[in-house]
Amino acid sequence: MKKLISLVIFSALIVGTLSSCLQDTTSSSVTTTKAPATTQATTTQAPGNTTAAPNAVTSASPKESSDPAAIATGLSKDGSWIFSILSDVTLTDPLTVTGTFHDKDDATAAVYRKLALYAQDANHNVTANYTLTVPKITVNSPNFRIQNGTVKGDIYVNANGFDLNGCTLNGNLYFTKDEFKNSFTNTKGTITGKTEVTGNADAVAAVSANKESSDPAAIATGLSKDGVWIFSVLSNVTMTDPLTVTGEFHDKDDATAAVYRKLALYAQDDKHNVTAQFTLTVPKITVNSPNFRIQNGTVVGDIYVNANGFDLNGCTLQGNLYFTKQEFSDSFKNTNGTITGKTVITGNADAVTAVSPDKESSDPAAIIKGLSADGVWIFSVLSNVTVPNEIVVDGEFHDKGDTANAIYRKLALYTQDDKHNVTAQFTLTVPKITVNSENFRIQYGTVKGDIYVNANGFNLNGCTLDGNLYFSKQEYMDSCKNTNFTVTGTTAVQ
């Protein structure tokens, strides 16, 4: 009997030990099979068949972002072999893919580069496709693949081995050489536009011979005296500050050619067929360059011309056109252009800046400076604007900047035409305005915020104050000269 009991206990111990070993073995097996499947998959595939979206495996993605600047850097010569876009994104400037890269950054591997417009799970199932909207992509990197998703824009190829893999190109595909087209691989890609050989590399830059951008600062520089003879805007754009076209330029930058300058509000293909037209919204454009043409598209805003040979060529001006001299009007060339407002000869150059004799801007820093002790007697805001910090109106100023005139200062929250008819009113949102300047007027528009007055002669003229109005002394309140105003909050001395 004792031997039987001992045998049962011994058997139980053996079963328990085997069970424990089996569990350890099973656990080890599971851990082994969990080794990164994506790593095994990508290492067994040829470079041209890599399907793993970089965002699925962080270690396999040197770079991923939907920030336009990051995309441009990531696909530059200083970028990475693979770049993933993580959402729909619109680029205002052209994208250039440059540099030679190798699969997985291994110098012994095949030359290969990839832009992934999709996301996927750990099993390589595509979970989302994204759209990249861009004026154009220039491909200088060999064996460059765009995988899945959609590209809205034209692609210009200057290298061998370009590949559209499951990608829809909502635009045209241009190759600068037959060999580049012959080496093109279209793996279940779709091209809605044309596929052509342009014949030379210069055709890639035909749309913008010198400079193209939809960045307001770049536009201002490109049309300045330090700018270029031709400038292309590549999408609809709104500028908050006035635009001044200055300097003498020649056609195609050839000093022996005719004096000529151009702003292109359109895109075109290599046959010069217009493929898109854009709208430039701007408070005003002042033209000081002779023989300046605005071609196609739409300008929303007024144009003031101080030079001969101005030309609206197929362009719609949604605003007024002013000439400072009869000769400038006489030399004007309206080639299939449309002007919705008035065309007027102002008679003198001062009328060009009648709305804002000294300074105008919708930039918060410029507003704060313009109303400071170092600012100007009159300041115009040209659009709705939010200033995050307090505005302090300081210093003594005189009407029209003439010390012989009465003490007077003004903030204009509106625009007007040359007949002083108000054409638009704007809203200034600010935490607080402190008024230390005597005889300070805010005219028209709306202020959202509180105003604190420490000076005589404050005046709201046709302005709505969506906030409180406080005076630090009774005399300041008594000297207030409000005309056709509205204050939604409290008016008090405190």
Protein backbone atom coordinates (compact mmCIF):
# COMPACT_ATOMS: atom_id res chain seq x y z
CA MET A 1 0.00 0.00 0.00
CA LYS A 2 2.80 2.43 0.85
CA LYS A 3 4.45 1.59 -2.46
CA LEU A 4 1.19 2.38 -4.30
CA ILE A 5 0.88 5.76 -2.57
CA SER A 6 4.51 6.59 -3.37
CA LEU A 7 3.94 5.64 -7.02
CA VAL A 8 0.90 7.96 -7.26
CA ILE A 9 2.81 10.88 -5.72
CA PHE A 10 5.80 10.30 -8.02
CA SER A 11 3.49 10.20 -11.07
CA ALA A 12 1.83 13.47 -10.06
CA LEU A 13 5.19 15.17 -9.72
CA ILE A 14 6.22 14.02 -13.20
CA VAL A 15 2.96 15.27 -14.76
CA GLY A 16 3.34 18.65 -13.04
CA THR A 17 6.90 19.02 -14.21
CA LEU A 18 6.00 18.09 -17.78
CA SER A 19 3.08 20.52 -17.75
CA SER A 20 5.34 23.33 -16.56
CA CYS A 21 7.89 22.53 -19.22
CA LEU A 22 5.20 22.40 -21.87
CA GLN A 23 3.90 25.84 -20.78
CA ASP A 24 7.39 27.29 -20.89
CA THR A 25 7.95 25.84 -24.35
CA THR A 26 4.60 27.12 -25.62
CA SER A 27 5.27 30.59 -24.23
CA SER A 28 8.67 30.62 -25.83
CA SER A 29 7.14 29.55 -29.12
CA VAL A 30 4.58 32.36 -29.01
CA THR A 31 7.29 34.89 -28.25
CA THR A 32 9.30 33.65 -31.21
CA THR A 33 6.38 33.97 -33.60
CA LYS A 34 5.76 37.51 -32.33
CA ALA A 35 9.16 38.63 -33.56
CA PRO A 36 8.51 41.64 -35.80
CA ALA A 37 6.62 40.19 -38.72
CA THR A 38 7.08 43.42 -40.63
CA THR A 39 10.84 43.10 -40.36
CA GLN A 40 10.75 39.56 -41.75
CA ALA A 41 8.41 40.62 -44.53
CA THR A 42 10.45 43.61 -45.66
CA THR A 43 13.76 41.76 -45.57
CA THR A 44 12.50 38.95 -47.78
CA GLN A 45 11.02 41.30 -50.38
CA ALA A 46 12.91 42.91 -53.25
CA PRO A 47 13.27 46.69 -52.97
CA GLY A 48 10.69 47.26 -55.65
CA ASN A 49 8.07 45.26 -53.79
CA THR A 50 8.32 46.77 -50.32
CA THR A 51 4.75 47.38 -49.16
CA ALA A 52 5.18 48.27 -45.51
CA ALA A 53 3.96 51.78 -44.79
CA PRO A 54 6.64 53.50 -42.74
CA ASN A 55 4.18 54.62 -40.10
CA ALA A 56 3.38 50.96 -39.35
CA VAL A 57 6.93 50.31 -38.12
CA THR A 58 8.60 53.33 -36.57
CA SER A 59 12.06 51.85 -36.85
CA ALA A 60 11.61 51.50 -40.61
CA SER A 61 10.62 55.12 -41.11
CA PRO A 62 13.39 57.72 -40.94
CA LYS A 63 10.79 60.41 -41.36
CA GLU A 64 7.02 60.88 -41.43
CA SER A 65 4.96 64.04 -41.26
CA SER A 66 2.19 66.02 -42.89
CA ASP A 67 3.99 69.32 -42.35
CA PRO A 68 4.83 70.92 -45.74
CA ALA A 69 8.31 72.02 -44.65
CA ALA A 70 9.08 68.54 -43.28
CA ILE A 71 7.90 66.92 -46.53
CA ALA A 72 10.13 69.22 -48.59
CA THR A 73 13.13 68.46 -46.38
CA GLY A 74 12.39 64.74 -46.21
CA LEU A 75 12.43 64.45 -50.00
CA SER A 76 15.44 66.71 -50.53
CA LYS A 77 19.03 65.53 -50.98
CA ASP A 78 19.38 65.80 -47.20
CA GLY A 79 16.25 63.76 -46.60
CA SER A 80 15.51 60.07 -46.18
CA TRP A 81 15.07 57.01 -48.40
CA ILE A 82 11.41 56.71 -47.39
CA PHE A 83 8.92 59.35 -46.35
CA SER A 84 5.34 58.87 -45.15
CA ILE A 85 2.54 61.40 -45.26
CA LEU A 86 0.09 60.82 -42.43
CA SER A 87 -2.96 62.76 -43.62
CA ASP A 88 -4.27 64.73 -46.59
CA VAL A 89 -2.00 67.72 -47.14
CA THR A 90 -1.74 70.71 -49.49
CA LEU A 91 1.61 72.24 -50.47
CA THR A 92 1.62 75.77 -51.86
CA ASP A 93 5.14 75.50 -53.28
CA PRO A 94 6.53 72.95 -55.77
CA LEU A 95 8.16 69.82 -54.39
CA THR A 96 11.57 68.62 -55.61
CA VAL A 97 12.77 65.05 -55.00
CA THR A 98 16.58 65.11 -55.15
CA GLY A 99 19.46 62.81 -54.23
CA THR A 100 20.40 59.14 -54.65
CA PHE A 101 19.24 56.81 -51.87
CA HIS A 102 19.35 53.07 -51.22
CA ASP A 103 16.70 50.67 -49.97
CA LYS A 104 16.51 50.85 -46.17
CA ASP A 105 19.53 53.19 -46.19
CA ASP A 106 21.79 50.21 -46.91
CA ALA A 107 24.53 51.33 -49.30
CA THR A 108 24.90 47.74 -50.52
CA ALA A 109 21.20 47.54 -51.45
CA ALA A 110 19.55 48.69 -54.67
CA VAL A 111 19.06 52.39 -55.42
CA TYR A 112 15.51 53.08 -54.29
CA ARG A 113 13.37 55.82 -52.75
CA LYS A 114 9.72 55.94 -51.75
CA LEU A 115 6.91 58.34 -50.87
CA ALA A 116 4.11 56.55 -49.00
CA LEU A 117 0.67 58.16 -49.24
CA TYR A 118 -1.00 55.61 -47.02
CA ALA A 119 -1.12 53.94 -43.60
CA GLN A 120 -1.17 50.22 -42.90
CA ASP A 121 -1.46 47.79 -40.01
CA ALA A 122 1.13 45.27 -38.83
CA ASN A 123 -0.07 42.77 -41.43
CA HIS A 124 0.51 45.22 -44.29
CA ASN A 125 -3.20 45.82 -44.82
CA VAL A 126 -3.72 49.39 -46.07
CA THR A 127 -5.90 51.21 -43.54
CA ALA A 128 -5.98 54.67 -45.14
CA ASN A 129 -4.99 56.46 -48.35
CA TYR A 130 -4.05 60.15 -48.43
CA THR A 131 -4.08 62.96 -50.98
CA LEU A 132 -1.08 65.20 -51.63
CA THR A 133 -2.07 68.42 -53.41
CA VAL A 134 0.94 70.23 -54.86
CA PRO A 135 1.56 72.63 -57.79
CA LYS A 136 4.13 70.22 -59.21
CA ILE A 137 6.63 67.53 -58.24
CA THR A 138 10.02 67.41 -59.92
CA VAL A 139 11.68 64.01 -59.62
CA ASN A 140 15.48 63.98 -59.77
CA SER A 141 16.00 60.85 -57.64
CA PRO A 142 16.42 57.56 -59.54
CA ASN A 143 14.04 54.66 -58.79
CA PHE A 144 11.59 56.88 -56.94
CA ARG A 145 8.23 55.33 -56.14
CA ILE A 146 4.99 57.00 -55.06
CA GLN A 147 2.83 54.32 -53.48
CA ASN A 148 -0.95 54.40 -53.04
CA GLY A 149 -2.98 57.53 -52.34
CA THR A 150 -3.48 60.42 -54.74
CA VAL A 151 -1.29 63.20 -56.08
CA LYS A 152 -3.14 66.30 -57.30
CA GLY A 153 -0.72 68.18 -59.51
CA ASP A 154 1.73 67.56 -62.35
CA ILE A 155 4.85 65.42 -62.05
CA TYR A 156 8.04 66.15 -64.00
CA VAL A 157 10.56 63.28 -64.17
CA ASN A 158 14.30 63.83 -64.67
CA ALA A 159 15.51 60.37 -63.64
CA ASN A 160 15.21 56.67 -64.45
CA GLY A 161 12.99 54.16 -62.69
CA PHE A 162 10.05 56.32 -61.65
CA ASP A 163 7.14 54.22 -60.39
CA LEU A 164 3.48 54.92 -59.64
CA ASN A 165 2.45 52.00 -57.47
CA GLY A 166 -1.28 51.95 -56.80
CA CYS A 167 -1.22 55.75 -56.89
CA THR A 168 -3.67 58.02 -58.72
CA LEU A 169 -2.08 61.02 -60.40
CA ASN A 170 -4.75 63.67 -60.83
CA GLY A 171 -2.63 65.65 -63.29
CA ASN A 172 -0.07 65.27 -66.06
CA LEU A 173 3.11 63.21 -66.15
CA TYR A 174 6.07 64.70 -68.04
CA PHE A 175 9.44 63.07 -68.78
CA THR A 176 12.40 65.15 -69.94
CA LYS A 177 13.93 62.23 -71.88
CA ASP A 178 12.66 59.15 -73.68
CA GLU A 179 14.90 56.95 -71.52
CA PHE A 180 13.17 58.21 -68.38
CA LYS A 181 9.78 57.38 -69.86
CA ASN A 182 10.97 53.98 -71.08
CA SER A 183 12.13 53.08 -67.58
CA PHE A 184 8.84 54.21 -66.01
CA THR A 185 6.91 51.50 -64.13
CA ASN A 186 3.17 51.97 -63.72
CA THR A 187 2.08 49.36 -61.20
CA LYS A 188 -1.71 49.67 -61.01
CA GLY A 189 -1.39 53.45 -61.07
CA THR A 190 -3.88 55.83 -62.69
CA ILE A 191 -3.03 59.01 -64.60
CA THR A 192 -5.95 61.32 -65.33
CA GLY A 193 -3.97 63.71 -67.54
CA LYS A 194 -1.35 63.39 -70.25
CA THR A 195 1.85 61.35 -70.26
CA GLU A 196 4.43 63.07 -72.46
CA VAL A 197 8.11 63.49 -73.16
CA THR A 198 8.85 67.22 -72.99
CA GLY A 199 12.11 66.92 -74.89
CA ASN A 200 14.32 69.04 -72.63
CA ALA A 201 14.86 69.79 -68.96
CA ASP A 202 14.02 73.47 -69.43
CA ALA A 203 10.40 72.55 -70.06
CA VAL A 204 10.12 71.43 -66.46
CA ALA A 205 10.54 75.02 -65.35
CA ALA A 206 8.46 76.53 -68.16
CA VAL A 207 5.61 77.49 -65.89
CA SER A 208 7.82 79.63 -63.71
CA ALA A 209 10.88 80.92 -65.50
CA ASN A 210 12.34 82.49 -62.38
CA LYS A 211 10.29 82.18 -59.22
CA GLU A 212 6.99 80.75 -58.07
CA SER A 213 5.29 80.62 -54.69
CA SER A 214 2.03 81.22 -52.87
CA ASP A 215 3.77 82.52 -49.76
CA PRO A 216 2.82 86.20 -49.18
CA ALA A 217 6.37 87.18 -48.16
CA ALA A 218 7.84 85.48 -51.25
CA ILE A 219 5.32 87.25 -53.49
CA ALA A 220 6.20 90.64 -51.96
CA THR A 221 9.93 89.99 -52.45
CA GLY A 222 9.49 88.58 -55.94
CA LEU A 223 7.70 91.72 -57.11
CA SER A 224 10.02 94.16 -55.32
CA LYS A 225 12.98 95.96 -56.91
CA ASP A 226 15.11 93.01 -55.77
CA GLY A 227 12.74 90.51 -57.31
CA VAL A 228 12.34 88.85 -60.70
CA TRP A 229 10.96 89.71 -64.12
CA ILE A 230 8.25 87.04 -63.86
CA PHE A 231 6.52 85.66 -60.79
CA SER A 232 3.95 82.86 -60.64
CA VAL A 233 1.37 82.38 -57.93
CA LEU A 234 0.54 78.69 -57.65
CA SER A 235 -2.70 78.67 -55.69
CA ASN A 236 -5.35 81.00 -54.29
CA VAL A 237 -3.67 83.31 -51.78
CA THR A 238 -4.67 86.15 -49.44
CA MET A 239 -2.23 88.89 -48.49
CA THR A 240 -2.95 91.06 -45.46
CA ASP A 241 -0.52 93.82 -46.45
CA PRO A 242 -0.48 95.95 -49.62
CA LEU A 243 1.70 94.79 -52.52
CA THR A 244 4.11 97.13 -54.29
CA VAL A 245 5.57 96.28 -57.71
CA THR A 246 8.83 98.23 -58.06
CA GLY A 247 11.88 98.21 -60.34
CA GLU A 248 12.62 98.04 -64.06
CA PHE A 249 12.96 94.57 -65.57
CA HIS A 250 13.42 93.11 -69.04
CA ASP A 251 11.73 90.22 -70.81
CA LYS A 252 13.39 86.94 -69.77
CA ASP A 253 16.00 88.97 -67.84
CA ASP A 254 17.70 89.91 -71.09
CA ALA A 255 18.92 93.50 -70.83
CA THR A 256 18.74 93.79 -74.64
CA ALA A 257 15.06 92.79 -74.65
CA ALA A 258 12.05 95.04 -74.10
CA VAL A 259 11.20 96.40 -70.65
CA TYR A 260 8.60 93.96 -69.34
CA ARG A 261 7.41 92.33 -66.13
CA LYS A 262 4.72 89.79 -65.41
CA LEU A 263 2.62 88.34 -62.60
CA ALA A 264 1.15 84.96 -63.61
CA LEU A 265 -2.00 83.92 -61.76
CA TYR A 266 -2.26 80.59 -63.54
CA ALA A 267 -0.60 77.26 -64.26
CA GLN A 268 0.00 75.78 -67.69
CA ASP A 269 1.27 72.63 -69.35
CA ASP A 270 4.29 72.34 -71.65
CA LYS A 271 2.08 73.36 -74.60
CA HIS A 272 1.15 76.59 -72.79
CA ASN A 273 -2.43 75.42 -72.27
CA VAL A 274 -3.80 77.02 -69.09
CA THR A 275 -4.57 74.24 -66.59
CA ALA A 276 -5.63 76.35 -63.59
CA GLN A 277 -6.31 79.97 -62.63
CA PHE A 278 -5.84 81.47 -59.18
CA THR A 279 -7.17 84.36 -57.08
CA LEU A 280 -4.92 86.89 -55.36
CA THR A 281 -6.74 88.76 -52.59
CA VAL A 282 -4.84 91.85 -51.46
CA PRO A 283 -5.78 95.22 -49.89
CA LYS A 284 -4.17 97.04 -52.81
CA ILE A 285 -1.46 96.72 -55.44
CA THR A 286 0.69 99.74 -56.30
CA VAL A 287 2.39 99.42 -59.70
CA ASN A 288 5.64 101.36 -60.13
CA SER A 289 7.22 99.00 -62.71
CA PRO A 290 6.74 99.97 -66.36
CA ASN A 291 5.08 97.48 -68.73
CA PHE A 292 3.80 95.32 -65.90
CA ARG A 293 1.30 92.64 -66.88
CA ILE A 294 -1.05 90.61 -64.68
CA GLN A 295 -2.07 87.57 -66.69
CA ASN A 296 -5.17 85.41 -66.13
CA GLY A 297 -6.70 84.67 -62.77
CA THR A 298 -8.40 87.19 -60.48
CA VAL A 299 -7.22 90.05 -58.29
CA VAL A 300 -9.57 90.95 -55.44
CA GLY A 301 -8.56 94.46 -54.37
CA ASP A 302 -7.75 97.86 -55.87
CA ILE A 303 -4.81 98.57 -58.18
CA TYR A 304 -3.00 101.93 -58.27
CA VAL A 305 -0.82 102.55 -61.33
CA ASN A 306 2.20 104.90 -61.30
CA ALA A 307 3.85 103.72 -64.53
CA ASN A 308 3.29 103.32 -68.26
CA GLY A 309 2.25 100.14 -70.05
CA PHE A 310 0.17 98.42 -67.39
CA ASP A 311 -1.70 95.41 -68.82
CA LEU A 312 -4.55 93.24 -67.59
CA ASN A 313 -4.30 90.19 -69.83
CA GLY A 314 -7.20 87.81 -69.36
CA CYS A 315 -7.34 88.90 -65.72
CA THR A 316 -10.41 89.86 -63.72
CA LEU A 317 -9.91 92.80 -61.37
CA GLN A 318 -12.53 92.59 -58.66
CA GLY A 319 -11.99 96.15 -57.49
CA ASN A 320 -11.09 99.60 -58.76
CA LEU A 321 -8.28 100.68 -61.09
CA TYR A 322 -6.63 104.05 -60.38
CA PHE A 323 -4.06 105.89 -62.52
CA THR A 324 -2.08 108.80 -61.09
CA LYS A 325 -1.55 110.41 -64.51
CA GLN A 326 -3.45 110.62 -67.77
CA GLU A 327 -0.44 109.20 -69.65
CA PHE A 328 -0.50 106.06 -67.51
CA SER A 329 -4.17 105.60 -68.32
CA ASP A 330 -3.55 106.23 -72.02
CA SER A 331 -0.83 103.56 -72.14
CA PHE A 332 -2.98 100.97 -70.34
CA LYS A 333 -3.59 97.74 -72.27
CA ASN A 334 -6.71 95.83 -71.35
CA THR A 335 -6.32 92.54 -73.22
CA ASN A 336 -9.50 90.56 -72.51
CA GLY A 337 -9.42 91.76 -68.92
CA THR A 338 -12.45 92.55 -66.75
CA ILE A 339 -12.76 95.36 -64.20
CA THR A 340 -15.75 95.13 -61.88
CA GLY A 341 -15.18 98.53 -60.22
CA LYS A 342 -14.26 101.98 -61.43
CA THR A 343 -11.40 103.08 -63.64
CA VAL A 344 -10.33 106.53 -62.47
CA ILE A 345 -7.52 109.03 -63.00
CA THR A 346 -6.75 110.33 -59.51
CA GLY A 347 -4.75 113.34 -60.68
CA ASN A 348 -1.90 113.05 -58.18
CA ALA A 349 0.30 110.42 -56.59
CA ASP A 350 -0.85 111.31 -53.06
CA ALA A 351 -4.28 109.91 -53.82
CA VAL A 352 -2.75 106.47 -54.15
CA THR A 353 -2.08 106.42 -50.43
CA ALA A 354 -5.19 108.38 -49.40
CA VAL A 355 -6.52 105.54 -47.28
CA SER A 356 -3.39 105.41 -45.16
CA PRO A 357 -1.01 108.37 -45.51
CA ASP A 358 1.56 106.83 -43.20
CA LYS A 359 1.14 103.15 -42.42
CA GLU A 360 -1.29 100.29 -42.96
CA SER A 361 -1.11 96.65 -42.00
CA SER A 362 -3.00 93.78 -40.41
CA ASP A 363 0.11 92.40 -38.74
CA PRO A 364 -0.28 92.55 -34.92
CA ALA A 365 3.31 93.67 -34.34
CA ALA A 366 2.96 96.43 -36.94
CA ILE A 367 -0.28 97.64 -35.34
CA ILE A 368 1.30 97.81 -31.88
CA LYS A 369 4.30 99.71 -33.23
CA GLY A 370 2.21 102.01 -35.43
CA LEU A 371 0.15 103.15 -32.42
CA SER A 372 3.11 103.48 -30.06
CA ALA A 373 5.04 106.66 -29.21
CA ASP A 374 7.31 105.79 -32.15
CA GLY A 375 4.42 105.23 -34.51
CA VAL A 376 2.37 107.39 -36.89
CA TRP A 377 -0.48 109.86 -36.69
CA ILE A 378 -2.83 107.58 -38.60
CA PHE A 379 -2.87 103.83 -38.85
CA SER A 380 -5.15 101.67 -41.01
CA VAL A 381 -6.06 98.06 -40.37
CA LEU A 382 -6.84 96.34 -43.66
CA SER A 383 -8.64 93.16 -42.58
CA ASN A 384 -10.13 91.48 -39.53
CA VAL A 385 -7.28 90.90 -37.09
CA THR A 386 -6.66 89.53 -33.61
CA VAL A 387 -3.88 91.12 -31.54
CA PRO A 388 -3.02 88.82 -28.62
CA ASN A 389 -1.37 91.53 -26.49
CA GLU A 390 -2.46 94.89 -25.12
CA ILE A 391 -2.26 97.88 -27.50
CA VAL A 392 -0.93 101.08 -25.91
CA VAL A 393 -1.66 104.26 -27.87
CA ASP A 394 1.08 106.62 -26.77
CA GLY A 395 2.70 109.89 -27.86
CA GLU A 396 1.56 113.28 -29.16
CA PHE A 397 0.77 113.52 -32.87
CA HIS A 398 -0.66 116.14 -35.20
CA ASP A 399 -3.15 115.93 -38.06
CA LYS A 400 -1.44 114.73 -41.25
CA GLY A 401 1.88 114.69 -39.38
CA ASP A 402 2.13 118.49 -39.56
CA THR A 403 3.09 120.09 -36.21
CA ALA A 404 1.30 123.28 -37.33
CA ASN A 405 -1.98 121.36 -37.30
CA ALA A 406 -4.17 120.36 -34.36
CA ILE A 407 -3.20 117.50 -32.07
CA TYR A 408 -4.95 114.47 -33.54
CA ARG A 409 -4.47 110.74 -34.03
CA LYS A 410 -6.56 108.11 -35.73
CA LEU A 411 -7.04 104.36 -36.04
CA ALA A 412 -8.98 103.47 -39.20
CA LEU A 413 -10.78 100.13 -39.18
CA TYR A 414 -11.99 100.50 -42.76
CA THR A 415 -11.03 101.04 -46.38
CA GLN A 416 -12.40 103.65 -48.76
CA ASP A 417 -12.26 104.64 -52.40
CA ASP A 418 -10.88 107.87 -53.82
CA LYS A 419 -14.24 109.58 -53.13
CA HIS A 420 -13.99 108.61 -49.46
CA ASN A 421 -16.81 106.10 -49.78
CA VAL A 422 -16.30 103.32 -47.24
CA THR A 423 -15.76 100.04 -49.09
CA ALA A 424 -15.16 97.69 -46.13
CA GLN A 425 -15.12 97.69 -42.31
CA PHE A 426 -12.98 95.43 -40.11
CA THR A 427 -12.95 93.95 -36.61
CA LEU A 428 -9.99 94.38 -34.25
CA THR A 429 -9.99 91.80 -31.45
CA VAL A 430 -7.66 92.72 -28.59
CA PRO A 431 -7.57 92.07 -24.81
CA LYS A 432 -7.22 95.76 -23.98
CA ILE A 433 -6.47 99.15 -25.54
CA THR A 434 -4.91 101.82 -23.32
CA VAL A 435 -5.21 105.33 -24.75
CA ASN A 436 -2.56 107.84 -23.64
CA SER A 437 -2.62 109.95 -26.83
CA GLU A 438 -4.74 113.08 -26.79
CA ASN A 439 -7.56 113.43 -29.35
CA PHE A 440 -7.36 109.81 -30.44
CA ARG A 441 -10.13 108.60 -32.73
CA ILE A 442 -11.15 105.08 -33.68
CA GLN A 443 -13.18 105.30 -36.87
CA TYR A 444 -15.66 102.71 -38.15
CA GLY A 445 -15.35 98.97 -37.76
CA THR A 446 -15.55 97.06 -34.49
CA VAL A 447 -13.27 96.72 -31.47
CA LYS A 448 -13.73 93.53 -29.45
CA GLY A 449 -12.15 94.21 -26.07
CA ASP A 450 -12.04 96.86 -23.35
CA ILE A 451 -10.70 100.40 -23.79
CA TYR A 452 -9.04 102.38 -20.98
CA VAL A 453 -8.71 106.14 -21.59
CA ASN A 454 -6.04 108.28 -19.90
CA ALA A 455 -6.28 111.37 -22.13
CA ASN A 456 -8.64 114.08 -23.32
CA GLY A 457 -10.57 114.08 -26.59
CA PHE A 458 -11.10 110.34 -27.11
CA ASN A 459 -13.52 109.70 -29.94
CA LEU A 460 -15.41 106.67 -31.25
CA ASN A 461 -16.60 107.67 -34.71
CA GLY A 462 -19.01 105.21 -36.31
CA CYS A 463 -17.26 102.47 -34.35
CA THR A 464 -18.82 99.64 -32.33
CA LEU A 465 -17.04 98.79 -29.08
CA ASP A 466 -17.91 95.22 -28.14
CA GLY A 467 -16.63 95.62 -24.59
CA ASN A 468 -16.32 98.18 -21.79
CA LEU A 469 -15.15 101.80 -21.93
CA TYR A 470 -13.34 103.07 -18.87
CA PHE A 471 -11.96 106.57 -18.14
CA SER A 472 -9.36 107.17 -15.43
CA LYS A 473 -10.70 110.70 -14.77
CA GLN A 474 -14.06 112.42 -15.10
CA GLU A 475 -12.51 115.12 -17.30
CA TYR A 476 -11.45 112.50 -19.83
CA MET A 477 -14.98 111.16 -19.92
CA ASP A 478 -16.42 114.68 -20.24
CA SER A 479 -14.13 115.44 -23.20
CA CYS A 480 -15.05 112.26 -25.04
CA LYS A 481 -16.57 113.03 -28.44
CA ASN A 482 -18.38 109.92 -29.57
CA THR A 483 -20.20 110.13 -32.91
CA ASN A 484 -22.64 107.43 -34.10
CA PHE A 485 -21.00 104.91 -31.80
CA THR A 486 -22.13 101.81 -29.93
CA VAL A 487 -20.75 100.45 -26.65
CA THR A 488 -22.12 97.05 -25.71
CA GLY A 489 -20.63 97.02 -22.20
CA THR A 490 -20.17 99.52 -19.37
CA THR A 491 -19.06 103.15 -19.72
CA ALA A 492 -17.63 104.39 -16.44
CA VAL A 493 -14.95 106.34 -14.60
CA GLN A 494 -12.68 104.09 -12.59
